[in-house]
Every structure is written in structure tokens, then in C-alpha cells.
């Protein structure tokens, strides 16, 4: 799994690629903590190149969402394939995460507060 950050004036996108397991969620947490320390509080997780999320670890994504919100941040998951979206939904994350099948660029407008949300 790779995690590559990309920033605009308002938003940080973490583009992820590969399969996500326990170690990847640990790495994701470190990225999120670093962003919050830097006061980068509008974060989009770009799942467009994520091909699998381990079902047993998927609930950790909800904890990351709560972590970001506890620091007054916004976390959106974008670019979900139907397969990965179904894993997250089956893991009980519907209604917990802000998820979108739209790509991360939709959420990055330079000065826009426009936020597409799907459940």
C-alpha cells in the first residue's frame, strides 16, 4: 500500500493504492496525526486505486474518522470502487463515514466549500 499526500490551499488528499490491512491503517493514522498537528484539517482519502480493504480491519477507518473529527477536522473518503464500498458498508460503516464514489478532485476545489456526500 502506498500513501501519497497532495495539497491545495484548503484540502489535503491522501492518495492510496493497493490493498489495505492492519499495517496500512497504522501508517494512515500517522499521516492523519501529522496533518492535524500541521493544522491541515480538511482531508480527503482517495481510494480510487485501492483494490481491497481487509474486512476485519475496515472498522479502523471509522476510528480514524472519529479521530479527525475530535480535532475539528473533516474527513471524506472518495473514489470508492463498488467492491471496496461494499466491504466498508458490510463492515458497518454506513452512516459513520462520509463516502463518495466521486474522485478526490471533486472535493479539492481551491476555495470551494462544496462537499459531495453519499451514504
PDB file of N, CA and C in Angstrom:
ATOM      1  N   UNK A   1       0.849  -1.174   0.000  1.00  0.00           N
ATOM      2  CA  UNK A   1       0.000   0.000   0.000  1.00  0.00           C
ATOM      3  C   UNK A   1       0.890   1.230   0.000  1.00  0.00           C
ATOM      4  N   UNK A   2       0.579   2.158  -0.882  1.00  0.00           N
ATOM      5  CA  UNK A   2       1.277   3.440  -0.895  1.00  0.00           C
ATOM      6  C   UNK A   2       0.301   4.540  -0.484  1.00  0.00           C
ATOM      7  N   UNK A   3       0.818   5.547   0.178  1.00  0.00           N
ATOM      8  CA  UNK A   3       0.031   6.711   0.580  1.00  0.00           C
ATOM      9  C   UNK A   3       0.817   7.939   0.134  1.00  0.00           C
ATOM     10  N   UNK A   4       0.235   8.697  -0.803  1.00  0.00           N
ATOM     11  CA  UNK A   4       0.896   9.886  -1.329  1.00  0.00           C
ATOM     12  C   UNK A   4       0.056  11.125  -1.039  1.00  0.00           C
ATOM     13  N   UNK A   5       0.572  12.086  -0.277  1.00  0.00           N
ATOM     14  CA  UNK A   5      -0.174  13.309   0.006  1.00  0.00           C
ATOM     15  C   UNK A   5      -0.108  14.306  -1.145  1.00  0.00           C
ATOM     16  N   UNK A   6      -1.195  15.032  -1.323  1.00  0.00           N
ATOM     17  CA  UNK A   6      -1.287  16.111  -2.315  1.00  0.00           C
ATOM     18  C   UNK A   6      -2.097  17.226  -1.663  1.00  0.00           C
ATOM     19  N   UNK A   7      -1.638  18.464  -1.755  1.00  0.00           N
ATOM     20  CA  UNK A   7      -2.293  19.565  -1.052  1.00  0.00           C
ATOM     21  C   UNK A   7      -2.705  20.693  -1.982  1.00  0.00           C
ATOM     22  N   UNK A   8      -3.806  21.329  -1.611  1.00  0.00           N
ATOM     23  CA  UNK A   8      -4.213  22.607  -2.188  1.00  0.00           C
ATOM     24  C   UNK A   8      -4.269  23.581  -1.017  1.00  0.00           C
ATOM     25  N   UNK A   9      -4.721  24.788  -1.268  1.00  0.00           N
ATOM     26  CA  UNK A   9      -4.804  25.777  -0.204  1.00  0.00           C
ATOM     27  C   UNK A   9      -5.725  25.320   0.930  1.00  0.00           C
ATOM     28  N   UNK A  10      -6.766  24.545   0.597  1.00  0.00           N
ATOM     29  CA  UNK A  10      -7.753  24.183   1.616  1.00  0.00           C
ATOM     30  C   UNK A  10      -7.789  22.707   1.981  1.00  0.00           C
ATOM     31  N   UNK A  11      -7.325  21.838   1.099  1.00  0.00           N
ATOM     32  CA  UNK A  11      -7.558  20.411   1.271  1.00  0.00           C
ATOM     33  C   UNK A  11      -6.270  19.613   1.090  1.00  0.00           C
ATOM     34  N   UNK A  12      -6.155  18.563   1.878  1.00  0.00           N
ATOM     35  CA  UNK A  12      -5.087  17.592   1.671  1.00  0.00           C
ATOM     36  C   UNK A  12      -5.729  16.294   1.218  1.00  0.00           C
ATOM     37  N   UNK A  13      -5.221  15.750   0.124  1.00  0.00           N
ATOM     38  CA  UNK A  13      -5.694  14.462  -0.364  1.00  0.00           C
ATOM     39  C   UNK A  13      -4.600  13.439  -0.103  1.00  0.00           C
ATOM     40  N   UNK A  14      -4.982  12.337   0.527  1.00  0.00           N
ATOM     41  CA  UNK A  14      -4.071  11.210   0.683  1.00  0.00           C
ATOM     42  C   UNK A  14      -4.498  10.167  -0.339  1.00  0.00           C
ATOM     43  N   UNK A  15      -3.700  10.058  -1.406  1.00  0.00           N
ATOM     44  CA  UNK A  15      -3.997   9.090  -2.466  1.00  0.00           C
ATOM     45  C   UNK A  15      -3.383   7.762  -2.062  1.00  0.00           C
ATOM     46  N   UNK A  16      -4.232   6.746  -2.006  1.00  0.00           N
ATOM     47  CA  UNK A  16      -3.776   5.431  -1.585  1.00  0.00           C
ATOM     48  C   UNK A  16      -3.922   4.452  -2.730  1.00  0.00           C
ATOM     49  N   UNK A  17      -3.009   3.491  -2.768  1.00  0.00           N
ATOM     50  CA  UNK A  17      -3.038   2.486  -3.831  1.00  0.00           C
ATOM     51  C   UNK A  17      -2.640   1.138  -3.252  1.00  0.00           C
ATOM     52  N   UNK A  18      -3.333   0.091  -3.704  1.00  0.00           N
ATOM     53  CA  UNK A  18      -3.031  -1.268  -3.261  1.00  0.00           C
ATOM     54  C   UNK A  18      -4.115  -1.815  -2.341  1.00  0.00           C
ATOM     55  N   UNK A  19      -3.719  -2.761  -1.522  1.00  0.00           N
ATOM     56  CA  UNK A  19      -4.632  -3.381  -0.556  1.00  0.00           C
ATOM     57  C   UNK A  19      -4.349  -2.827   0.827  1.00  0.00           C
ATOM     58  N   UNK A  20      -5.407  -2.616   1.609  1.00  0.00           N
ATOM     59  CA  UNK A  20      -5.259  -2.064   2.955  1.00  0.00           C
ATOM     60  C   UNK A  20      -5.459  -3.143   4.001  1.00  0.00           C
ATOM     61  N   UNK A  21      -4.458  -3.277   4.866  1.00  0.00           N
ATOM     62  CA  UNK A  21      -4.527  -4.181   6.002  1.00  0.00           C
ATOM     63  C   UNK A  21      -4.142  -3.439   7.268  1.00  0.00           C
ATOM     64  N   UNK A  22      -3.888  -4.171   8.337  1.00  0.00           N
ATOM     65  CA  UNK A  22      -3.625  -3.575   9.650  1.00  0.00           C
ATOM     66  C   UNK A  22      -2.448  -2.598   9.624  1.00  0.00           C
ATOM     67  N   UNK A  23      -1.338  -2.963   9.015  1.00  0.00           N
ATOM     68  CA  UNK A  23      -0.170  -2.066   8.973  1.00  0.00           C
ATOM     69  C   UNK A  23      -0.468  -0.777   8.215  1.00  0.00           C
ATOM     70  N   UNK A  24      -1.277  -0.900   7.175  1.00  0.00           N
ATOM     71  CA  UNK A  24      -1.619   0.287   6.383  1.00  0.00           C
ATOM     72  C   UNK A  24      -2.480   1.253   7.181  1.00  0.00           C
ATOM     73  N   UNK A  25      -3.349   0.726   8.025  1.00  0.00           N
ATOM     74  CA  UNK A  25      -4.155   1.608   8.870  1.00  0.00           C
ATOM     75  C   UNK A  25      -3.285   2.303   9.913  1.00  0.00           C
ATOM     76  N   UNK A  26      -2.238   1.635  10.395  1.00  0.00           N
ATOM     77  CA  UNK A  26      -1.289   2.282  11.300  1.00  0.00           C
ATOM     78  C   UNK A  26      -0.589   3.441  10.590  1.00  0.00           C
ATOM     79  N   UNK A  27      -0.154   3.203   9.352  1.00  0.00           N
ATOM     80  CA  UNK A  27       0.504   4.255   8.569  1.00  0.00           C
ATOM     81  C   UNK A  27      -0.459   5.407   8.279  1.00  0.00           C
ATOM     82  N   UNK A  28      -1.707   5.068   7.948  1.00  0.00           N
ATOM     83  CA  UNK A  28      -2.708   6.100   7.692  1.00  0.00           C
ATOM     84  C   UNK A  28      -2.905   6.967   8.929  1.00  0.00           C
ATOM     85  N   UNK A  29      -2.980   6.332  10.086  1.00  0.00           N
ATOM     86  CA  UNK A  29      -3.155   7.093  11.326  1.00  0.00           C
ATOM     87  C   UNK A  29      -2.005   8.085  11.523  1.00  0.00           C
ATOM     88  N   UNK A  30      -0.779   7.652  11.247  1.00  0.00           N
ATOM     89  CA  UNK A  30       0.374   8.543  11.390  1.00  0.00           C
ATOM     90  C   UNK A  30       0.282   9.723  10.432  1.00  0.00           C
ATOM     91  N   UNK A  31      -0.145   9.472   9.211  1.00  0.00           N
ATOM     92  CA  UNK A  31      -0.339  10.566   8.244  1.00  0.00           C
ATOM     93  C   UNK A  31      -1.391  11.540   8.754  1.00  0.00           C
ATOM     94  N   UNK A  32      -2.523  11.027   9.218  1.00  0.00           N
ATOM     95  CA  UNK A  32      -3.603  11.885   9.698  1.00  0.00           C
ATOM     96  C   UNK A  32      -3.163  12.696  10.909  1.00  0.00           C
ATOM     97  N   UNK A  33      -2.462  12.067  11.843  1.00  0.00           N
ATOM     98  CA  UNK A  33      -1.981  12.790  13.024  1.00  0.00           C
ATOM     99  C   UNK A  33      -1.039  13.921  12.614  1.00  0.00           C
ATOM    100  N   UNK A  34      -0.145  13.651  11.676  1.00  0.00           N
ATOM    101  CA  UNK A  34       0.767  14.684  11.201  1.00  0.00           C
ATOM    102  C   UNK A  34       0.044  15.854  10.554  1.00  0.00           C
ATOM    103  N   UNK A  35      -0.982  15.549   9.773  1.00  0.00           N
ATOM    104  CA  UNK A  35      -1.768  16.614   9.140  1.00  0.00           C
ATOM    105  C   UNK A  35      -2.482  17.464  10.182  1.00  0.00           C
ATOM    106  N   UNK A  36      -3.069  16.822  11.163  1.00  0.00           N
ATOM    107  CA  UNK A  36      -3.786  17.563  12.203  1.00  0.00           C
ATOM    108  C   UNK A  36      -2.847  18.430  13.025  1.00  0.00           C
ATOM    109  N   UNK A  37      -1.658  17.925  13.305  1.00  0.00           N
ATOM    110  CA  UNK A  37      -0.661  18.726  14.021  1.00  0.00           C
ATOM    111  C   UNK A  37      -0.289  19.955  13.202  1.00  0.00           C
ATOM    112  N   UNK A  38      -0.246  19.808  11.880  1.00  0.00           N
ATOM    113  CA  UNK A  38       0.076  20.918  10.966  1.00  0.00           C
ATOM    114  C   UNK A  38      -1.130  21.805  10.681  1.00  0.00           C
ATOM    115  N   UNK A  39      -2.227  21.529  11.349  1.00  0.00           N
ATOM    116  CA  UNK A  39      -3.485  22.274  11.170  1.00  0.00           C
ATOM    117  C   UNK A  39      -4.081  22.103   9.777  1.00  0.00           C
ATOM    118  N   UNK A  40      -3.806  20.983   9.155  1.00  0.00           N
ATOM    119  CA  UNK A  40      -4.439  20.613   7.876  1.00  0.00           C
ATOM    120  C   UNK A  40      -5.642  19.766   8.263  1.00  0.00           C
ATOM    121  N   UNK A  41      -6.810  20.388   8.334  1.00  0.00           N
ATOM    122  CA  UNK A  41      -7.972  19.708   8.911  1.00  0.00           C
ATOM    123  C   UNK A  41      -9.020  19.285   7.894  1.00  0.00           C
ATOM    124  N   UNK A  42      -8.859  19.649   6.649  1.00  0.00           N
ATOM    125  CA  UNK A  42      -9.787  19.193   5.600  1.00  0.00           C
ATOM    126  C   UNK A  42      -9.057  18.133   4.784  1.00  0.00           C
ATOM    127  N   UNK A  43      -9.455  16.870   4.993  1.00  0.00           N
ATOM    128  CA  UNK A  43      -8.702  15.745   4.443  1.00  0.00           C
ATOM    129  C   UNK A  43      -9.619  14.845   3.626  1.00  0.00           C
ATOM    130  N   UNK A  44      -9.139  14.467   2.461  1.00  0.00           N
ATOM    131  CA  UNK A  44      -9.848  13.520   1.600  1.00  0.00           C
ATOM    132  C   UNK A  44      -8.960  12.291   1.439  1.00  0.00           C
ATOM    133  N   UNK A  45      -9.519  11.121   1.705  1.00  0.00           N
ATOM    134  CA  UNK A  45      -8.825   9.865   1.441  1.00  0.00           C
ATOM    135  C   UNK A  45      -9.250   9.401   0.066  1.00  0.00           C
ATOM    136  N   UNK A  46      -8.322   9.390  -0.867  1.00  0.00           N
ATOM    137  CA  UNK A  46      -8.604   8.988  -2.246  1.00  0.00           C
ATOM    138  C   UNK A  46      -8.374   7.486  -2.391  1.00  0.00           C
ATOM    139  N   UNK A  47      -9.473   6.735  -2.455  1.00  0.00           N
ATOM    140  CA  UNK A  47      -9.428   5.276  -2.564  1.00  0.00           C
ATOM    141  C   UNK A  47      -9.500   4.806  -4.006  1.00  0.00           C
ATOM    142  N   UNK A  48      -9.322   5.688  -4.974  1.00  0.00           N
ATOM    143  CA  UNK A  48      -9.537   5.300  -6.370  1.00  0.00           C
ATOM    144  C   UNK A  48      -8.614   4.174  -6.839  1.00  0.00           C
ATOM    145  N   UNK A  49      -7.456   4.001  -6.206  1.00  0.00           N
ATOM    146  CA  UNK A  49      -6.547   2.921  -6.575  1.00  0.00           C
ATOM    147  C   UNK A  49      -6.415   1.862  -5.483  1.00  0.00           C
ATOM    148  N   UNK A  50      -7.349   1.848  -4.545  1.00  0.00           N
ATOM    149  CA  UNK A  50      -7.374   0.806  -3.518  1.00  0.00           C
ATOM    150  C   UNK A  50      -8.198  -0.350  -4.067  1.00  0.00           C
ATOM    151  N   UNK A  51      -7.580  -1.506  -4.150  1.00  0.00           N
ATOM    152  CA  UNK A  51      -8.287  -2.650  -4.732  1.00  0.00           C
ATOM    153  C   UNK A  51      -8.905  -3.581  -3.697  1.00  0.00           C
ATOM    154  N   UNK A  52      -8.512  -3.452  -2.420  1.00  0.00           N
ATOM    155  CA  UNK A  52      -9.083  -4.307  -1.378  1.00  0.00           C
ATOM    156  C   UNK A  52      -8.843  -3.690  -0.006  1.00  0.00           C
ATOM    157  N   UNK A  53      -9.822  -3.812   0.874  1.00  0.00           N
ATOM    158  CA  UNK A  53      -9.675  -3.445   2.278  1.00  0.00           C
ATOM    159  C   UNK A  53     -10.013  -4.682   3.082  1.00  0.00           C
ATOM    160  N   UNK A  54      -9.099  -5.073   3.962  1.00  0.00           N
ATOM    161  CA  UNK A  54      -9.342  -6.240   4.803  1.00  0.00           C
ATOM    162  C   UNK A  54     -10.581  -5.981   5.656  1.00  0.00           C
ATOM    163  N   UNK A  55     -11.554  -6.853   5.515  1.00  0.00           N
ATOM    164  CA  UNK A  55     -12.840  -6.702   6.216  1.00  0.00           C
ATOM    165  C   UNK A  55     -12.643  -6.570   7.722  1.00  0.00           C
ATOM    166  N   UNK A  56     -11.727  -7.338   8.287  1.00  0.00           N
ATOM    167  CA  UNK A  56     -11.511  -7.319   9.730  1.00  0.00           C
ATOM    168  C   UNK A  56     -10.912  -5.999  10.213  1.00  0.00           C
ATOM    169  N   UNK A  57     -10.241  -5.293   9.337  1.00  0.00           N
ATOM    170  CA  UNK A  57      -9.618  -4.024   9.710  1.00  0.00           C
ATOM    171  C   UNK A  57     -10.428  -2.808   9.272  1.00  0.00           C
ATOM    172  N   UNK A  58     -11.491  -3.014   8.514  1.00  0.00           N
ATOM    173  CA  UNK A  58     -12.254  -1.898   7.950  1.00  0.00           C
ATOM    174  C   UNK A  58     -12.826  -0.981   9.027  1.00  0.00           C
ATOM    175  N   UNK A  59     -13.187  -1.533  10.175  1.00  0.00           N
ATOM    176  CA  UNK A  59     -13.758  -0.705  11.245  1.00  0.00           C
ATOM    177  C   UNK A  59     -12.759   0.329  11.755  1.00  0.00           C
ATOM    178  N   UNK A  60     -11.480   0.090  11.532  1.00  0.00           N
ATOM    179  CA  UNK A  60     -10.476   1.072  11.944  1.00  0.00           C
ATOM    180  C   UNK A  60     -10.648   2.391  11.204  1.00  0.00           C
ATOM    181  N   UNK A  61     -11.234   2.348  10.028  1.00  0.00           N
ATOM    182  CA  UNK A  61     -11.480   3.575   9.280  1.00  0.00           C
ATOM    183  C   UNK A  61     -12.463   4.469  10.032  1.00  0.00           C
ATOM    184  N   UNK A  62     -13.444   3.862  10.677  1.00  0.00           N
ATOM    185  CA  UNK A  62     -14.395   4.640  11.485  1.00  0.00           C
ATOM    186  C   UNK A  62     -13.675   5.315  12.645  1.00  0.00           C
ATOM    187  N   UNK A  63     -12.736   4.646  13.248  1.00  0.00           N
ATOM    188  CA  UNK A  63     -11.968   5.254  14.348  1.00  0.00           C
ATOM    189  C   UNK A  63     -11.137   6.429  13.854  1.00  0.00           C
ATOM    190  N   UNK A  64     -10.600   6.308  12.633  1.00  0.00           N
ATOM    191  CA  UNK A  64      -9.837   7.432  12.076  1.00  0.00           C
ATOM    192  C   UNK A  64     -10.751   8.624  11.813  1.00  0.00           C
ATOM    193  N   UNK A  65     -11.949   8.344  11.342  1.00  0.00           N
ATOM    194  CA  UNK A  65     -12.938   9.394  11.123  1.00  0.00           C
ATOM    195  C   UNK A  65     -13.229  10.115  12.445  1.00  0.00           C
ATOM    196  N   UNK A  66     -13.453   9.347  13.503  1.00  0.00           N
ATOM    197  CA  UNK A  66     -13.720   9.938  14.820  1.00  0.00           C
ATOM    198  C   UNK A  66     -12.506  10.716  15.324  1.00  0.00           C
ATOM    199  N   UNK A  67     -11.307  10.194  15.084  1.00  0.00           N
ATOM    200  CA  UNK A  67     -10.080  10.865  15.491  1.00  0.00           C
ATOM    201  C   UNK A  67      -9.966  12.241  14.828  1.00  0.00           C
ATOM    202  N   UNK A  68     -10.171  12.287  13.518  1.00  0.00           N
ATOM    203  CA  UNK A  68     -10.084  13.558  12.794  1.00  0.00           C
ATOM    204  C   UNK A  68     -11.152  14.529  13.290  1.00  0.00           C
ATOM    205  N   UNK A  69     -12.372  14.048  13.475  1.00  0.00           N
ATOM    206  CA  UNK A  69     -13.452  14.917  13.946  1.00  0.00           C
ATOM    207  C   UNK A  69     -13.193  15.412  15.366  1.00  0.00           C
ATOM    208  N   UNK A  70     -12.530  14.614  16.199  1.00  0.00           N
ATOM    209  CA  UNK A  70     -12.231  15.055  17.565  1.00  0.00           C
ATOM    210  C   UNK A  70     -11.235  16.214  17.572  1.00  0.00           C
ATOM    211  N   UNK A  71     -10.543  16.398  16.460  1.00  0.00           N
ATOM    212  CA  UNK A  71      -9.617  17.519  16.307  1.00  0.00           C
ATOM    213  C   UNK A  71     -10.206  18.593  15.384  1.00  0.00           C
ATOM    214  N   UNK A  72     -11.515  18.613  15.303  1.00  0.00           N
ATOM    215  CA  UNK A  72     -12.270  19.595  14.496  1.00  0.00           C
ATOM    216  C   UNK A  72     -11.912  19.543  13.025  1.00  0.00           C
ATOM    217  N   UNK A  73     -11.627  18.362  12.535  1.00  0.00           N
ATOM    218  CA  UNK A  73     -11.298  18.189  11.134  1.00  0.00           C
ATOM    219  C   UNK A  73     -12.440  17.564  10.361  1.00  0.00           C
ATOM    220  N   UNK A  74     -12.294  17.572   9.044  1.00  0.00           N
ATOM    221  CA  UNK A  74     -13.253  16.940   8.133  1.00  0.00           C
ATOM    222  C   UNK A  74     -12.528  15.832   7.394  1.00  0.00           C
ATOM    223  N   UNK A  75     -13.131  14.655   7.351  1.00  0.00           N
ATOM    224  CA  UNK A  75     -12.535  13.530   6.635  1.00  0.00           C
ATOM    225  C   UNK A  75     -13.572  12.950   5.698  1.00  0.00           C
ATOM    226  N   UNK A  76     -13.223  12.873   4.428  1.00  0.00           N
ATOM    227  CA  UNK A  76     -14.093  12.303   3.405  1.00  0.00           C
ATOM    228  C   UNK A  76     -13.335  11.191   2.705  1.00  0.00           C
ATOM    229  N   UNK A  77     -14.037  10.111   2.410  1.00  0.00           N
ATOM    230  CA  UNK A  77     -13.465   9.008   1.644  1.00  0.00           C
ATOM    231  C   UNK A  77     -14.035   9.113   0.230  1.00  0.00           C
ATOM    232  N   UNK A  78     -13.171   9.236  -0.773  1.00  0.00           N
ATOM    233  CA  UNK A  78     -13.608   9.443  -2.154  1.00  0.00           C
ATOM    234  C   UNK A  78     -13.038   8.368  -3.068  1.00  0.00           C
ATOM    235  N   UNK A  79     -13.649   8.237  -4.241  1.00  0.00           N
ATOM    236  CA  UNK A  79     -13.136   7.360  -5.278  1.00  0.00           C
ATOM    237  C   UNK A  79     -13.299   5.879  -4.995  1.00  0.00           C
ATOM    238  N   UNK A  80     -14.309   5.530  -4.235  1.00  0.00           N
ATOM    239  CA  UNK A  80     -14.519   4.127  -3.878  1.00  0.00           C
ATOM    240  C   UNK A  80     -15.006   3.307  -5.061  1.00  0.00           C
ATOM    241  N   UNK A  81     -14.377   2.169  -5.277  1.00  0.00           N
ATOM    242  CA  UNK A  81     -14.918   1.226  -6.256  1.00  0.00           C
ATOM    243  C   UNK A  81     -16.133   0.564  -5.610  1.00  0.00           C
ATOM    244  N   UNK A  82     -17.050   0.046  -6.400  1.00  0.00           N
ATOM    245  CA  UNK A  82     -18.206  -0.652  -5.810  1.00  0.00           C
ATOM    246  C   UNK A  82     -17.773  -1.782  -4.868  1.00  0.00           C
ATOM    247  N   UNK A  83     -16.712  -2.498  -5.216  1.00  0.00           N
ATOM    248  CA  UNK A  83     -16.233  -3.599  -4.385  1.00  0.00           C
ATOM    249  C   UNK A  83     -15.771  -3.110  -3.011  1.00  0.00           C
ATOM    250  N   UNK A  84     -14.905  -2.086  -2.983  1.00  0.00           N
ATOM    251  CA  UNK A  84     -14.389  -1.563  -1.711  1.00  0.00           C
ATOM    252  C   UNK A  84     -15.506  -0.899  -0.923  1.00  0.00           C
ATOM    253  N   UNK A  85     -16.374  -0.175  -1.606  1.00  0.00           N
ATOM    254  CA  UNK A  85     -17.513   0.456  -0.919  1.00  0.00           C
ATOM    255  C   UNK A  85     -18.367  -0.605  -0.229  1.00  0.00           C
ATOM    256  N   UNK A  86     -18.618  -1.728  -0.896  1.00  0.00           N
ATOM    257  CA  UNK A  86     -19.413  -2.786  -0.290  1.00  0.00           C
ATOM    258  C   UNK A  86     -18.721  -3.382   0.934  1.00  0.00           C
ATOM    259  N   UNK A  87     -17.400  -3.533   0.882  1.00  0.00           N
ATOM    260  CA  UNK A  87     -16.674  -4.025   2.057  1.00  0.00           C
ATOM    261  C   UNK A  87     -16.889  -3.079   3.235  1.00  0.00           C
ATOM    262  N   UNK A  88     -16.760  -1.781   2.987  1.00  0.00           N
ATOM    263  CA  UNK A  88     -16.934  -0.806   4.059  1.00  0.00           C
ATOM    264  C   UNK A  88     -18.363  -0.811   4.588  1.00  0.00           C
ATOM    265  N   UNK A  89     -19.322  -0.921   3.696  1.00  0.00           N
ATOM    266  CA  UNK A  89     -20.723  -0.962   4.130  1.00  0.00           C
ATOM    267  C   UNK A  89     -21.019  -2.228   4.918  1.00  0.00           C
ATOM    268  N   UNK A  90     -20.510  -3.366   4.458  1.00  0.00           N
ATOM    269  CA  UNK A  90     -20.734  -4.620   5.175  1.00  0.00           C
ATOM    270  C   UNK A  90     -20.032  -4.638   6.521  1.00  0.00           C
ATOM    271  N   UNK A  91     -18.975  -3.870   6.660  1.00  0.00           N
ATOM    272  CA  UNK A  91     -18.274  -3.774   7.940  1.00  0.00           C
ATOM    273  C   UNK A  91     -19.003  -2.837   8.906  1.00  0.00           C
ATOM    274  N   UNK A  92     -20.139  -2.291   8.466  1.00  0.00           N
ATOM    275  CA  UNK A  92     -20.959  -1.460   9.348  1.00  0.00           C
ATOM    276  C   UNK A  92     -20.612   0.011   9.337  1.00  0.00           C
ATOM    277  N   UNK A  93     -19.945   0.486   8.291  1.00  0.00           N
ATOM    278  CA  UNK A  93     -19.508   1.879   8.267  1.00  0.00           C
ATOM    279  C   UNK A  93     -20.498   2.835   7.612  1.00  0.00           C
ATOM    280  N   UNK A  94     -21.633   2.325   7.116  1.00  0.00           N
ATOM    281  CA  UNK A  94     -22.623   3.244   6.546  1.00  0.00           C
ATOM    282  C   UNK A  94     -23.137   4.144   7.672  1.00  0.00           C
ATOM    283  N   UNK A  95     -23.324   5.384   7.374  1.00  0.00           N
ATOM    284  CA  UNK A  95     -23.790   6.340   8.368  1.00  0.00           C
ATOM    285  C   UNK A  95     -22.690   6.850   9.280  1.00  0.00           C
ATOM    286  N   UNK A  96     -21.500   6.266   9.215  1.00  0.00           N
ATOM    287  CA  UNK A  96     -20.384   6.709  10.052  1.00  0.00           C
ATOM    288  C   UNK A  96     -19.428   7.564   9.243  1.00  0.00           C
ATOM    289  N   UNK A  97     -19.101   7.103   8.045  1.00  0.00           N
ATOM    290  CA  UNK A  97     -18.134   7.791   7.199  1.00  0.00           C
ATOM    291  C   UNK A  97     -18.828   8.628   6.142  1.00  0.00           C
ATOM    292  N   UNK A  98     -18.158   9.693   5.737  1.00  0.00           N
ATOM    293  CA  UNK A  98     -18.583  10.448   4.568  1.00  0.00           C
ATOM    294  C   UNK A  98     -17.898   9.775   3.389  1.00  0.00           C
ATOM    295  N   UNK A  99     -18.697   9.054   2.572  1.00  0.00           N
ATOM    296  CA  UNK A  99     -18.126   8.284   1.464  1.00  0.00           C
ATOM    297  C   UNK A  99     -18.689   8.771   0.148  1.00  0.00           C
ATOM    298  N   UNK A 100     -17.838   8.734  -0.867  1.00  0.00           N
ATOM    299  CA  UNK A 100     -18.235   9.178  -2.193  1.00  0.00           C
ATOM    300  C   UNK A 100     -17.584   8.296  -3.240  1.00  0.00           C
ATOM    301  N   UNK A 101     -18.341   7.989  -4.272  1.00  0.00           N
ATOM    302  CA  UNK A 101     -17.754   7.272  -5.400  1.00  0.00           C
ATOM    303  C   UNK A 101     -17.107   8.260  -6.364  1.00  0.00           C
ATOM    304  N   UNK A 102     -17.315   9.561  -6.140  1.00  0.00           N
ATOM    305  CA  UNK A 102     -16.672  10.576  -6.967  1.00  0.00           C
ATOM    306  C   UNK A 102     -15.184  10.614  -6.658  1.00  0.00           C
ATOM    307  N   UNK A 103     -14.388  11.062  -7.613  1.00  0.00           N
ATOM    308  CA  UNK A 103     -12.950  11.154  -7.421  1.00  0.00           C
ATOM    309  C   UNK A 103     -12.577  12.256  -6.454  1.00  0.00           C
ATOM    310  N   UNK A 104     -11.362  12.200  -5.960  1.00  0.00           N
ATOM    311  CA  UNK A 104     -10.884  13.173  -4.978  1.00  0.00           C
ATOM    312  C   UNK A 104     -10.878  14.591  -5.525  1.00  0.00           C
ATOM    313  N   UNK A 105     -10.648  14.773  -6.825  1.00  0.00           N
ATOM    314  CA  UNK A 105     -10.612  16.124  -7.391  1.00  0.00           C
ATOM    315  C   UNK A 105     -11.921  16.863  -7.186  1.00  0.00           C
ATOM    316  N   UNK A 106     -13.012  16.148  -7.097  1.00  0.00           N
ATOM    317  CA  UNK A 106     -14.313  16.774  -6.855  1.00  0.00           C
ATOM    318  C   UNK A 106     -14.326  17.478  -5.508  1.00  0.00           C
ATOM    319  N   UNK A 107     -13.541  17.000  -4.580  1.00  0.00           N
ATOM    320  CA  UNK A 107     -13.532  17.521  -3.209  1.00  0.00           C
ATOM    321  C   UNK A 107     -12.433  18.535  -2.948  1.00  0.00           C
ATOM    322  N   UNK A 108     -11.647  18.885  -3.962  1.00  0.00           N
ATOM    323  CA  UNK A 108     -10.454  19.707  -3.737  1.00  0.00           C
ATOM    324  C   UNK A 108     -10.568  21.146  -4.187  1.00  0.00           C
ATOM    325  N   UNK A 109     -11.704  21.611  -4.593  1.00  0.00           N
ATOM    326  CA  UNK A 109     -11.800  22.959  -5.120  1.00  0.00           C
ATOM    327  C   UNK A 109     -10.964  23.958  -4.361  1.00  0.00           C
ATOM    328  N   UNK A 110     -10.278  24.880  -5.054  1.00  0.00           N
ATOM    329  CA  UNK A 110      -9.327  25.773  -4.414  1.00  0.00           C
ATOM    330  C   UNK A 110      -9.925  26.643  -3.322  1.00  0.00           C
ATOM    331  N   UNK A 111     -11.151  27.096  -3.493  1.00  0.00           N
ATOM    332  CA  UNK A 111     -11.756  27.922  -2.458  1.00  0.00           C
ATOM    333  C   UNK A 111     -13.177  27.497  -2.180  1.00  0.00           C
ATOM    334  N   UNK A 112     -13.568  26.403  -2.732  1.00  0.00           N
ATOM    335  CA  UNK A 112     -14.952  25.964  -2.596  1.00  0.00           C
ATOM    336  C   UNK A 112     -15.174  25.172  -1.330  1.00  0.00           C
ATOM    337  N   UNK A 113     -16.325  25.367  -0.703  1.00  0.00           N
ATOM    338  CA  UNK A 113     -16.686  24.555   0.445  1.00  0.00           C
ATOM    339  C   UNK A 113     -17.652  23.463   0.018  1.00  0.00           C
ATOM    340  N   UNK A 114     -17.800  23.273  -1.286  1.00  0.00           N
ATOM    341  CA  UNK A 114     -18.697  22.264  -1.833  1.00  0.00           C
ATOM    342  C   UNK A 114     -18.212  20.883  -1.424  1.00  0.00           C
ATOM    343  N   UNK A 115     -19.087  20.087  -0.866  1.00  0.00           N
ATOM    344  CA  UNK A 115     -18.692  18.773  -0.361  1.00  0.00           C
ATOM    345  C   UNK A 115     -19.756  17.777  -0.752  1.00  0.00           C
ATOM    346  N   UNK A 116     -19.432  16.849  -1.644  1.00  0.00           N
ATOM    347  CA  UNK A 116     -20.389  15.820  -2.038  1.00  0.00           C
ATOM    348  C   UNK A 116     -20.360  14.700  -1.032  1.00  0.00           C
ATOM    349  N   UNK A 117     -21.527  14.309  -0.531  1.00  0.00           N
ATOM    350  CA  UNK A 117     -21.580  13.243   0.438  1.00  0.00           C
ATOM    351  C   UNK A 117     -22.580  12.219  -0.012  1.00  0.00           C
ATOM    352  N   UNK A 118     -22.198  10.968   0.093  1.00  0.00           N
ATOM    353  CA  UNK A 118     -23.092   9.858  -0.252  1.00  0.00           C
ATOM    354  C   UNK A 118     -23.031   8.835   0.845  1.00  0.00           C
ATOM    355  N   UNK A 119     -24.137   8.181   1.072  1.00  0.00           N
ATOM    356  CA  UNK A 119     -24.109   7.133   2.100  1.00  0.00           C
ATOM    357  C   UNK A 119     -24.540   5.826   1.498  1.00  0.00           C
TER     358      UNK A 119
END
